Every structure is written in structure tokens, then in C-alpha cells.
């Protein structure tokens, strides 16, 4: 079978193989570089907003941070925890080693409420965590300034250990 190749096709192939930027070949076809950059930036922004779950683990349990969502000045973070053995875990809020958020400016925000299932508590909540079973924990943080769109670190503290989640984006 015989393939016919245009001069432009050969030039594009040569540019691709030689590593010349794609934007140079796109300018040759009449696409403005700003249009290309706008498309790239909007895709990147969409990817940042659609945060992938963040995983953390210690020798007692593992957790997946599903999301942190804003409602007014409050932020609720949902974590699914799986214990590595049948145990009772106490999650701490407003105590000495508390669940907290750190923003990029060095500010610290303490947990104000914990929810497991239909139980809501301030301070601390204890619950049985069956080995390997997913248990959803929702933590509420109040008085978060509206300009804060992400947190550097989220730490969920229990009576025996903690989970640390980096680079937490806020949706909503």
C-alpha cells in the first residue's frame, strides 16, 4: 500500500520528532497561542477543583479524605476510616491533641464538631470500628475565612494516633 504525505505532514512529523513545541506548529496552522493556553489552563483548573481522594495510614487504621466542602464560614471534611482490627476509637475535637487544619499562612483551625452516622458531638466521640469496615467521619471547622480555598495540612487525631492529609482543596 502506498501512502501519500504532504509537505506540511512531513514538517509536522519532523517537528514532533525533533521536540519542537506544539504551540509552534499550532501557530503555523492558524491557532492562536492564547487559545491553546486558555484551553490548558481551564483543564488544569477543572482538575484542581475535582480533588482526588487523599489517603493516609498508620499502624492502627487508614483513612481516605473524600472531600472538604464550604458552607458559609464553616468547612466540613469527610473521611472514611478503616480500622486494622476490631477496636473502639475516640476521635478528638477541642481537646489537647485535636483534629485541626493548617492553612498556607500558618493559621490553625480547630475542629468544632464530629459526626459518625447520626451521632454528633463536640469535644470527642467514641465509636466501635469493625476491622476493615468503612466508617464515615465528618468533621466541622468554623470561622474559616472566605478567601481560604485550600489547606496545607489536615490532621485527624484519635486517642491512639492520627492521620495526616496534605494539600486539601475546599469545594463549594
N, C-alpha and C. Protein backbone atom coordinates (compact mmCIF):
# COMPACT_ATOMS: atom_id res chain seq x y z
N UNK A 1 0.84 -1.16 0.00
CA UNK A 1 0.00 0.00 0.00
C UNK A 1 0.89 1.23 0.00
N UNK A 2 0.56 2.22 -0.80
CA UNK A 2 1.35 3.44 -0.92
C UNK A 2 0.66 4.55 -0.14
N UNK A 3 1.41 5.27 0.72
CA UNK A 3 0.88 6.39 1.47
C UNK A 3 1.41 7.68 0.87
N UNK A 4 0.55 8.63 0.67
CA UNK A 4 0.99 9.94 0.18
C UNK A 4 1.06 10.87 1.38
N UNK A 5 2.12 11.65 1.43
CA UNK A 5 2.34 12.55 2.54
C UNK A 5 2.56 13.95 2.00
N UNK A 6 1.88 14.90 2.56
CA UNK A 6 2.08 16.29 2.14
C UNK A 6 3.34 16.85 2.78
N UNK A 7 3.80 17.95 2.26
CA UNK A 7 4.97 18.64 2.82
C UNK A 7 4.66 19.07 4.25
N UNK A 8 3.43 19.57 4.45
CA UNK A 8 3.05 20.01 5.79
C UNK A 8 3.05 18.83 6.77
N UNK A 9 2.57 17.68 6.34
CA UNK A 9 2.56 16.49 7.19
C UNK A 9 3.96 16.08 7.58
N UNK A 10 4.88 16.10 6.62
CA UNK A 10 6.28 15.78 6.92
C UNK A 10 6.89 16.80 7.88
N UNK A 11 6.56 18.10 7.66
CA UNK A 11 7.07 19.14 8.55
C UNK A 11 6.54 18.94 9.97
N UNK A 12 5.26 18.65 10.10
CA UNK A 12 4.67 18.42 11.42
C UNK A 12 5.30 17.21 12.10
N UNK A 13 5.52 16.14 11.34
CA UNK A 13 6.15 14.94 11.89
C UNK A 13 7.58 15.24 12.32
N UNK A 14 8.31 16.01 11.50
CA UNK A 14 9.68 16.38 11.84
C UNK A 14 9.72 17.21 13.12
N UNK A 15 8.79 18.17 13.24
CA UNK A 15 8.73 19.00 14.45
C UNK A 15 8.41 18.16 15.68
N UNK A 16 7.49 17.23 15.53
CA UNK A 16 7.10 16.37 16.64
C UNK A 16 8.27 15.50 17.09
N UNK A 17 8.96 14.89 16.13
CA UNK A 17 10.08 14.02 16.45
C UNK A 17 11.25 14.80 17.02
N UNK A 18 11.49 16.01 16.51
CA UNK A 18 12.64 16.78 16.96
C UNK A 18 12.38 17.48 18.29
N UNK A 19 11.15 17.46 18.79
CA UNK A 19 10.86 18.03 20.10
C UNK A 19 10.51 19.50 20.07
N UNK A 20 10.28 20.09 18.91
CA UNK A 20 9.87 21.48 18.83
C UNK A 20 8.49 21.60 19.43
N UNK A 21 8.21 22.72 20.08
CA UNK A 21 6.96 22.85 20.82
C UNK A 21 5.75 22.72 19.93
N UNK A 22 4.69 22.22 20.52
CA UNK A 22 3.43 22.05 19.81
C UNK A 22 2.86 23.41 19.45
N UNK A 23 3.06 24.40 20.32
CA UNK A 23 2.48 25.72 20.04
C UNK A 23 3.06 26.31 18.76
N UNK A 24 4.31 25.98 18.41
CA UNK A 24 4.89 26.49 17.17
C UNK A 24 4.16 25.90 15.97
N UNK A 25 3.88 24.61 16.00
CA UNK A 25 3.16 24.01 14.88
C UNK A 25 1.72 24.48 14.85
N UNK A 26 1.12 24.77 16.02
CA UNK A 26 -0.24 25.26 16.04
C UNK A 26 -0.31 26.67 15.47
N UNK A 27 0.71 27.50 15.72
CA UNK A 27 0.73 28.84 15.13
C UNK A 27 0.78 28.74 13.62
N UNK A 28 1.46 27.71 13.11
CA UNK A 28 1.56 27.54 11.66
C UNK A 28 0.20 27.19 11.07
N UNK A 29 -0.67 26.58 11.83
CA UNK A 29 -1.98 26.20 11.30
C UNK A 29 -3.03 27.27 11.59
N UNK A 30 -2.64 28.38 12.19
CA UNK A 30 -3.57 29.49 12.39
C UNK A 30 -4.23 29.52 13.76
N UNK A 31 -3.88 28.62 14.67
CA UNK A 31 -4.44 28.63 16.02
C UNK A 31 -3.61 29.58 16.87
N UNK A 32 -4.27 30.52 17.51
CA UNK A 32 -3.55 31.47 18.35
C UNK A 32 -3.07 30.78 19.62
N UNK A 33 -1.86 31.16 20.06
CA UNK A 33 -1.28 30.55 21.26
C UNK A 33 -2.13 30.83 22.48
N UNK A 34 -2.76 31.99 22.56
CA UNK A 34 -3.59 32.31 23.73
C UNK A 34 -4.77 31.35 23.83
N UNK A 35 -5.32 30.92 22.67
CA UNK A 35 -6.43 29.96 22.69
C UNK A 35 -5.96 28.62 23.26
N UNK A 36 -4.76 28.22 22.88
CA UNK A 36 -4.21 26.96 23.38
C UNK A 36 -3.98 27.06 24.88
N UNK A 37 -3.36 28.16 25.34
CA UNK A 37 -3.09 28.33 26.76
C UNK A 37 -4.38 28.42 27.57
N UNK A 38 -5.40 29.10 27.03
CA UNK A 38 -6.68 29.18 27.74
C UNK A 38 -7.27 27.79 27.93
N UNK A 39 -7.18 26.96 26.90
CA UNK A 39 -7.70 25.60 26.99
C UNK A 39 -6.94 24.78 28.02
N UNK A 40 -5.62 24.91 28.03
CA UNK A 40 -4.79 24.18 29.01
C UNK A 40 -5.12 24.63 30.41
N UNK A 41 -5.20 25.96 30.63
CA UNK A 41 -5.45 26.48 31.97
C UNK A 41 -6.83 26.09 32.48
N UNK A 42 -7.84 26.10 31.62
CA UNK A 42 -9.18 25.74 32.09
C UNK A 42 -9.23 24.26 32.44
N UNK A 43 -8.52 23.40 31.70
CA UNK A 43 -8.48 21.98 32.05
C UNK A 43 -7.77 21.80 33.39
N UNK A 44 -6.67 22.54 33.62
CA UNK A 44 -5.92 22.42 34.86
C UNK A 44 -6.79 22.87 36.04
N UNK A 45 -7.53 23.99 35.87
CA UNK A 45 -8.41 24.47 36.94
C UNK A 45 -9.49 23.44 37.25
N UNK A 46 -10.05 22.82 36.23
CA UNK A 46 -11.08 21.81 36.43
C UNK A 46 -10.50 20.62 37.19
N UNK A 47 -9.27 20.24 36.86
CA UNK A 47 -8.64 19.12 37.54
C UNK A 47 -8.39 19.44 39.00
N UNK A 48 -8.00 20.69 39.29
CA UNK A 48 -7.75 21.07 40.68
C UNK A 48 -9.03 21.06 41.49
N UNK A 49 -10.14 21.50 40.88
CA UNK A 49 -11.41 21.53 41.61
C UNK A 49 -11.92 20.13 41.89
N UNK A 50 -11.66 19.20 41.01
CA UNK A 50 -12.11 17.82 41.19
C UNK A 50 -11.02 17.06 41.93
N UNK A 51 -10.89 17.36 43.22
CA UNK A 51 -9.82 16.78 44.03
C UNK A 51 -9.98 15.27 44.15
N UNK A 52 -8.90 14.59 43.94
CA UNK A 52 -8.88 13.15 44.13
C UNK A 52 -8.82 12.86 45.64
N UNK A 53 -9.40 11.76 46.08
CA UNK A 53 -9.29 11.41 47.50
C UNK A 53 -7.83 11.28 47.92
N UNK A 54 -7.56 11.70 49.15
CA UNK A 54 -6.20 11.65 49.70
C UNK A 54 -6.17 10.54 50.75
N UNK A 55 -5.15 9.70 50.69
CA UNK A 55 -5.01 8.53 51.56
C UNK A 55 -3.98 8.79 52.65
N UNK A 56 -4.25 8.31 53.87
CA UNK A 56 -3.29 8.37 54.97
C UNK A 56 -3.44 7.08 55.78
N UNK A 57 -2.34 6.66 56.42
CA UNK A 57 -2.36 5.38 57.13
C UNK A 57 -1.38 5.42 58.30
N UNK A 58 -1.71 4.70 59.36
CA UNK A 58 -0.78 4.44 60.46
C UNK A 58 -0.93 2.97 60.85
N UNK A 59 -0.31 2.55 61.92
CA UNK A 59 -0.34 1.12 62.23
C UNK A 59 -1.69 0.64 62.78
N UNK A 60 -2.60 1.57 63.14
CA UNK A 60 -3.89 1.20 63.70
C UNK A 60 -5.04 1.25 62.69
N UNK A 61 -4.99 2.23 61.79
CA UNK A 61 -6.09 2.41 60.84
C UNK A 61 -5.62 3.21 59.64
N UNK A 62 -6.46 3.22 58.60
CA UNK A 62 -6.20 4.02 57.39
C UNK A 62 -7.40 4.89 57.14
N UNK A 63 -7.19 5.95 56.38
CA UNK A 63 -8.28 6.85 56.09
C UNK A 63 -8.17 7.44 54.70
N UNK A 64 -9.32 7.74 54.12
CA UNK A 64 -9.38 8.40 52.83
C UNK A 64 -10.19 9.68 53.03
N UNK A 65 -9.55 10.81 52.78
CA UNK A 65 -10.24 12.09 52.83
C UNK A 65 -11.04 12.22 51.55
N UNK A 66 -12.36 12.18 51.67
CA UNK A 66 -13.22 12.24 50.48
C UNK A 66 -13.41 13.65 49.98
N UNK A 67 -13.67 14.59 50.90
CA UNK A 67 -13.90 15.97 50.47
C UNK A 67 -13.90 16.89 51.66
N UNK A 68 -13.68 18.16 51.37
CA UNK A 68 -13.91 19.25 52.32
C UNK A 68 -14.76 20.26 51.59
N UNK A 69 -15.94 20.57 52.14
CA UNK A 69 -16.86 21.48 51.47
C UNK A 69 -17.18 22.66 52.38
N UNK A 70 -17.35 23.81 51.74
CA UNK A 70 -17.64 25.05 52.46
C UNK A 70 -19.14 25.31 52.46
N UNK A 71 -19.62 25.80 53.60
CA UNK A 71 -20.98 26.30 53.72
C UNK A 71 -20.89 27.53 54.61
N UNK A 72 -20.89 28.72 53.99
CA UNK A 72 -20.69 29.96 54.75
C UNK A 72 -19.27 30.01 55.28
N UNK A 73 -19.13 30.20 56.60
CA UNK A 73 -17.79 30.24 57.20
C UNK A 73 -17.38 28.89 57.78
N UNK A 74 -18.18 27.86 57.55
CA UNK A 74 -17.85 26.52 58.04
C UNK A 74 -17.33 25.64 56.92
N UNK A 75 -16.44 24.73 57.28
CA UNK A 75 -15.92 23.74 56.35
C UNK A 75 -16.15 22.36 56.98
N UNK A 76 -16.75 21.44 56.21
CA UNK A 76 -16.95 20.07 56.66
C UNK A 76 -16.07 19.15 55.84
N UNK A 77 -15.28 18.35 56.54
CA UNK A 77 -14.40 17.38 55.88
C UNK A 77 -14.89 15.97 56.20
N UNK A 78 -15.04 15.17 55.15
CA UNK A 78 -15.50 13.79 55.30
C UNK A 78 -14.34 12.83 55.07
N UNK A 79 -14.17 11.92 56.03
CA UNK A 79 -13.09 10.93 55.98
C UNK A 79 -13.71 9.55 56.19
N UNK A 80 -13.30 8.58 55.38
CA UNK A 80 -13.71 7.20 55.60
C UNK A 80 -12.52 6.48 56.23
N UNK A 81 -12.76 5.93 57.42
CA UNK A 81 -11.71 5.27 58.20
C UNK A 81 -11.96 3.77 58.22
N UNK A 82 -10.89 3.00 58.06
CA UNK A 82 -10.94 1.53 58.18
C UNK A 82 -9.92 1.12 59.24
N UNK A 83 -10.41 0.49 60.28
CA UNK A 83 -9.55 0.02 61.36
C UNK A 83 -8.87 -1.28 60.94
N UNK A 84 -7.65 -1.49 61.39
CA UNK A 84 -6.92 -2.71 61.05
C UNK A 84 -7.26 -3.87 61.98
N UNK A 85 -8.03 -3.57 63.04
CA UNK A 85 -8.54 -4.62 63.93
C UNK A 85 -9.80 -4.09 64.59
N UNK A 86 -10.63 -5.00 65.12
CA UNK A 86 -11.82 -4.55 65.84
C UNK A 86 -11.38 -3.73 67.04
N UNK A 87 -11.86 -2.50 67.11
CA UNK A 87 -11.44 -1.63 68.21
C UNK A 87 -12.43 -0.48 68.40
N UNK A 88 -12.32 0.16 69.53
CA UNK A 88 -13.08 1.37 69.80
C UNK A 88 -12.11 2.54 69.64
N UNK A 89 -12.48 3.49 68.80
CA UNK A 89 -11.62 4.64 68.53
C UNK A 89 -12.33 5.89 69.01
N UNK A 90 -11.59 6.75 69.69
CA UNK A 90 -12.10 8.05 70.12
C UNK A 90 -11.45 9.13 69.27
N UNK A 91 -12.28 9.87 68.55
CA UNK A 91 -11.79 10.97 67.73
C UNK A 91 -11.89 12.24 68.55
N UNK A 92 -10.81 13.02 68.53
CA UNK A 92 -10.69 14.18 69.41
C UNK A 92 -10.92 15.49 68.67
N UNK A 93 -11.69 16.34 69.32
CA UNK A 93 -12.04 17.65 68.79
C UNK A 93 -12.11 18.58 70.01
N UNK A 94 -11.45 19.71 69.98
CA UNK A 94 -11.42 20.65 71.11
C UNK A 94 -10.80 20.01 72.35
N UNK A 95 -9.71 19.30 72.20
CA UNK A 95 -9.01 18.65 73.29
C UNK A 95 -7.53 18.93 73.11
N UNK A 96 -6.65 18.28 73.88
CA UNK A 96 -5.23 18.62 73.80
C UNK A 96 -4.59 18.30 72.45
N UNK A 97 -4.69 17.11 71.94
CA UNK A 97 -4.22 16.78 70.59
C UNK A 97 -5.45 16.69 69.71
N UNK A 98 -5.85 17.81 69.14
CA UNK A 98 -7.13 17.88 68.45
C UNK A 98 -7.00 17.74 66.95
N UNK A 99 -8.12 17.44 66.34
CA UNK A 99 -8.23 17.44 64.90
C UNK A 99 -8.17 18.89 64.44
N UNK A 100 -7.33 19.17 63.42
CA UNK A 100 -7.11 20.56 63.04
C UNK A 100 -6.74 20.70 61.57
N UNK A 101 -6.88 21.93 61.08
CA UNK A 101 -6.48 22.32 59.73
C UNK A 101 -5.42 23.40 59.83
N UNK A 102 -4.43 23.35 58.94
CA UNK A 102 -3.41 24.40 58.84
C UNK A 102 -3.52 25.01 57.45
N UNK A 103 -3.61 26.34 57.37
CA UNK A 103 -3.62 26.96 56.04
C UNK A 103 -2.19 27.31 55.63
N UNK A 104 -2.04 27.81 54.43
CA UNK A 104 -0.71 28.12 53.88
C UNK A 104 -0.08 29.33 54.55
N UNK A 105 -0.84 30.09 55.33
CA UNK A 105 -0.33 31.28 56.00
C UNK A 105 0.09 31.00 57.44
N UNK A 106 0.01 29.73 57.86
CA UNK A 106 0.41 29.36 59.22
C UNK A 106 -0.71 29.44 60.24
N UNK A 107 -1.93 29.70 59.80
CA UNK A 107 -3.07 29.75 60.73
C UNK A 107 -3.58 28.35 61.02
N UNK A 108 -4.07 28.17 62.23
CA UNK A 108 -4.56 26.89 62.71
C UNK A 108 -6.05 27.01 62.98
N UNK A 109 -6.84 26.02 62.52
CA UNK A 109 -8.28 25.99 62.74
C UNK A 109 -8.62 24.68 63.43
N UNK A 110 -9.27 24.78 64.59
CA UNK A 110 -9.61 23.60 65.38
C UNK A 110 -10.98 23.06 65.01
N UNK A 111 -11.11 21.77 65.10
CA UNK A 111 -12.38 21.09 64.86
C UNK A 111 -13.40 21.53 65.90
N UNK A 112 -14.64 21.75 65.47
CA UNK A 112 -15.67 22.15 66.43
C UNK A 112 -16.74 21.08 66.63
N UNK A 113 -16.86 20.15 65.68
CA UNK A 113 -17.89 19.11 65.82
C UNK A 113 -17.48 17.87 65.03
N UNK A 114 -17.85 16.70 65.57
CA UNK A 114 -17.58 15.41 64.94
C UNK A 114 -18.91 14.71 64.72
N UNK A 115 -19.04 14.04 63.58
CA UNK A 115 -20.24 13.25 63.33
C UNK A 115 -19.83 11.89 62.80
N UNK A 116 -20.39 10.85 63.43
CA UNK A 116 -20.26 9.47 62.95
C UNK A 116 -21.68 8.93 62.88
N UNK A 117 -22.12 8.60 61.67
CA UNK A 117 -23.51 8.17 61.50
C UNK A 117 -24.43 9.31 61.86
N UNK A 118 -25.41 9.05 62.72
CA UNK A 118 -26.32 10.12 63.13
C UNK A 118 -25.93 10.74 64.46
N UNK A 119 -24.79 10.36 65.01
CA UNK A 119 -24.30 10.94 66.27
C UNK A 119 -23.40 12.12 65.99
N UNK A 120 -23.71 13.26 66.64
CA UNK A 120 -22.88 14.47 66.55
C UNK A 120 -22.44 14.84 67.95
N UNK A 121 -21.17 15.19 68.07
CA UNK A 121 -20.62 15.58 69.37
C UNK A 121 -19.62 16.71 69.19
N UNK A 122 -19.46 17.49 70.24
CA UNK A 122 -18.38 18.45 70.32
C UNK A 122 -17.38 17.88 71.30
N UNK A 123 -16.13 18.11 71.10
CA UNK A 123 -15.12 17.63 72.04
C UNK A 123 -14.52 16.30 71.62
N UNK A 124 -15.29 15.23 71.73
CA UNK A 124 -14.80 13.90 71.37
C UNK A 124 -15.98 12.97 71.11
N UNK A 125 -15.70 11.93 70.34
CA UNK A 125 -16.72 10.93 70.09
C UNK A 125 -16.02 9.57 69.99
N UNK A 126 -16.58 8.58 70.67
CA UNK A 126 -16.04 7.23 70.63
C UNK A 126 -17.01 6.33 69.88
N UNK A 127 -16.45 5.44 69.10
CA UNK A 127 -17.28 4.52 68.34
C UNK A 127 -16.50 3.24 68.08
N UNK A 128 -17.23 2.15 67.92
CA UNK A 128 -16.62 0.88 67.56
C UNK A 128 -16.34 0.89 66.07
N UNK A 129 -15.13 0.51 65.71
CA UNK A 129 -14.72 0.42 64.31
C UNK A 129 -14.40 -1.05 64.03
N UNK A 130 -15.30 -1.76 63.32
CA UNK A 130 -15.03 -3.17 62.99
C UNK A 130 -13.84 -3.27 62.02
N UNK A 131 -13.06 -4.29 62.18
CA UNK A 131 -11.88 -4.48 61.33
C UNK A 131 -12.26 -4.43 59.85
N UNK A 132 -11.62 -3.53 59.11
CA UNK A 132 -11.79 -3.42 57.67
C UNK A 132 -13.06 -2.75 57.18
N UNK A 133 -14.02 -2.51 58.07
CA UNK A 133 -15.29 -1.90 57.65
C UNK A 133 -15.12 -0.39 57.49
N UNK A 134 -15.69 0.20 56.44
CA UNK A 134 -15.58 1.65 56.27
C UNK A 134 -16.52 2.38 57.23
N UNK A 135 -15.98 3.35 57.94
CA UNK A 135 -16.77 4.18 58.86
C UNK A 135 -16.56 5.63 58.44
N UNK A 136 -17.66 6.31 58.08
CA UNK A 136 -17.57 7.70 57.63
C UNK A 136 -17.60 8.63 58.84
N UNK A 137 -16.62 9.53 58.87
CA UNK A 137 -16.50 10.52 59.93
C UNK A 137 -16.54 11.89 59.27
N UNK A 138 -17.40 12.78 59.77
CA UNK A 138 -17.48 14.14 59.24
C UNK A 138 -17.07 15.10 60.34
N UNK A 139 -16.12 15.98 60.01
CA UNK A 139 -15.59 16.94 60.98
C UNK A 139 -15.92 18.35 60.51
N UNK A 140 -16.40 19.19 61.43
CA UNK A 140 -16.78 20.56 61.09
C UNK A 140 -15.79 21.53 61.71
N UNK A 141 -15.38 22.51 60.90
CA UNK A 141 -14.49 23.58 61.34
C UNK A 141 -15.22 24.89 61.09
N UNK A 142 -15.27 25.76 62.09
CA UNK A 142 -15.99 27.03 61.98
C UNK A 142 -15.02 28.20 61.84
N UNK A 143 -15.58 29.34 61.42
CA UNK A 143 -14.84 30.61 61.29
C UNK A 143 -13.66 30.51 60.34
N UNK A 144 -13.87 29.86 59.20
CA UNK A 144 -12.84 29.77 58.16
C UNK A 144 -13.04 30.96 57.22
N UNK A 145 -12.04 31.83 57.08
CA UNK A 145 -12.20 32.99 56.19
C UNK A 145 -12.53 32.57 54.75
N UNK A 146 -13.36 33.36 54.09
CA UNK A 146 -13.83 33.01 52.74
C UNK A 146 -12.70 32.97 51.72
N UNK A 147 -11.60 33.69 51.95
CA UNK A 147 -10.50 33.67 50.98
C UNK A 147 -9.67 32.39 51.05
N UNK A 148 -9.85 31.58 52.09
CA UNK A 148 -9.13 30.32 52.20
C UNK A 148 -9.82 29.30 51.29
N UNK A 149 -9.10 28.81 50.27
CA UNK A 149 -9.64 27.86 49.30
C UNK A 149 -9.00 26.48 49.43
N UNK A 150 -7.93 26.41 50.22
CA UNK A 150 -7.26 25.13 50.42
C UNK A 150 -6.48 25.18 51.73
N UNK A 151 -6.14 24.01 52.22
CA UNK A 151 -5.36 23.89 53.45
C UNK A 151 -4.07 23.15 53.15
N UNK A 152 -3.03 23.54 53.82
CA UNK A 152 -1.75 22.87 53.67
C UNK A 152 -1.82 21.46 54.24
N UNK A 153 -2.42 21.34 55.44
CA UNK A 153 -2.46 20.05 56.14
C UNK A 153 -3.76 19.91 56.93
N UNK A 154 -4.30 18.70 56.92
CA UNK A 154 -5.45 18.34 57.74
C UNK A 154 -5.01 17.16 58.60
N UNK A 155 -5.14 17.31 59.92
CA UNK A 155 -4.79 16.21 60.84
C UNK A 155 -6.03 15.78 61.60
N UNK A 156 -6.32 14.49 61.53
CA UNK A 156 -7.42 13.89 62.27
C UNK A 156 -6.80 13.12 63.43
N UNK A 157 -7.08 13.57 64.66
CA UNK A 157 -6.47 12.96 65.85
C UNK A 157 -7.44 12.04 66.57
N UNK A 158 -6.90 10.92 67.03
CA UNK A 158 -7.64 9.98 67.87
C UNK A 158 -6.87 9.82 69.18
N UNK A 159 -7.40 9.01 70.07
CA UNK A 159 -6.74 8.80 71.36
C UNK A 159 -5.46 7.96 71.23
N UNK A 160 -5.25 7.28 70.09
CA UNK A 160 -4.06 6.44 69.94
C UNK A 160 -3.09 6.89 68.85
N UNK A 161 -3.57 7.67 67.90
CA UNK A 161 -2.70 8.07 66.79
C UNK A 161 -3.40 9.16 65.99
N UNK A 162 -2.88 9.46 64.80
CA UNK A 162 -3.52 10.45 63.94
C UNK A 162 -3.28 10.13 62.48
N UNK A 163 -4.10 10.72 61.63
CA UNK A 163 -3.93 10.64 60.18
C UNK A 163 -3.62 12.04 59.68
N UNK A 164 -2.72 12.16 58.72
CA UNK A 164 -2.34 13.46 58.17
C UNK A 164 -2.61 13.46 56.67
N UNK A 165 -3.36 14.48 56.22
CA UNK A 165 -3.70 14.63 54.81
C UNK A 165 -3.12 15.95 54.30
N UNK A 166 -2.26 15.93 53.29
CA UNK A 166 -1.67 17.17 52.77
C UNK A 166 -2.49 17.76 51.61
N UNK A 167 -2.30 19.05 51.36
CA UNK A 167 -2.85 19.73 50.18
C UNK A 167 -4.34 19.50 49.99
N UNK A 168 -5.13 19.96 50.93
CA UNK A 168 -6.57 19.73 50.93
C UNK A 168 -7.29 20.92 50.28
N UNK A 169 -8.02 20.65 49.20
CA UNK A 169 -8.79 21.68 48.49
C UNK A 169 -10.20 21.74 49.08
N UNK A 170 -10.77 22.95 49.09
CA UNK A 170 -12.14 23.13 49.57
C UNK A 170 -13.04 23.32 48.37
N UNK A 171 -14.14 22.61 48.32
CA UNK A 171 -15.12 22.82 47.26
C UNK A 171 -16.33 23.55 47.83
N UNK A 172 -17.09 24.15 46.94
CA UNK A 172 -18.31 24.85 47.37
C UNK A 172 -18.13 26.29 47.71
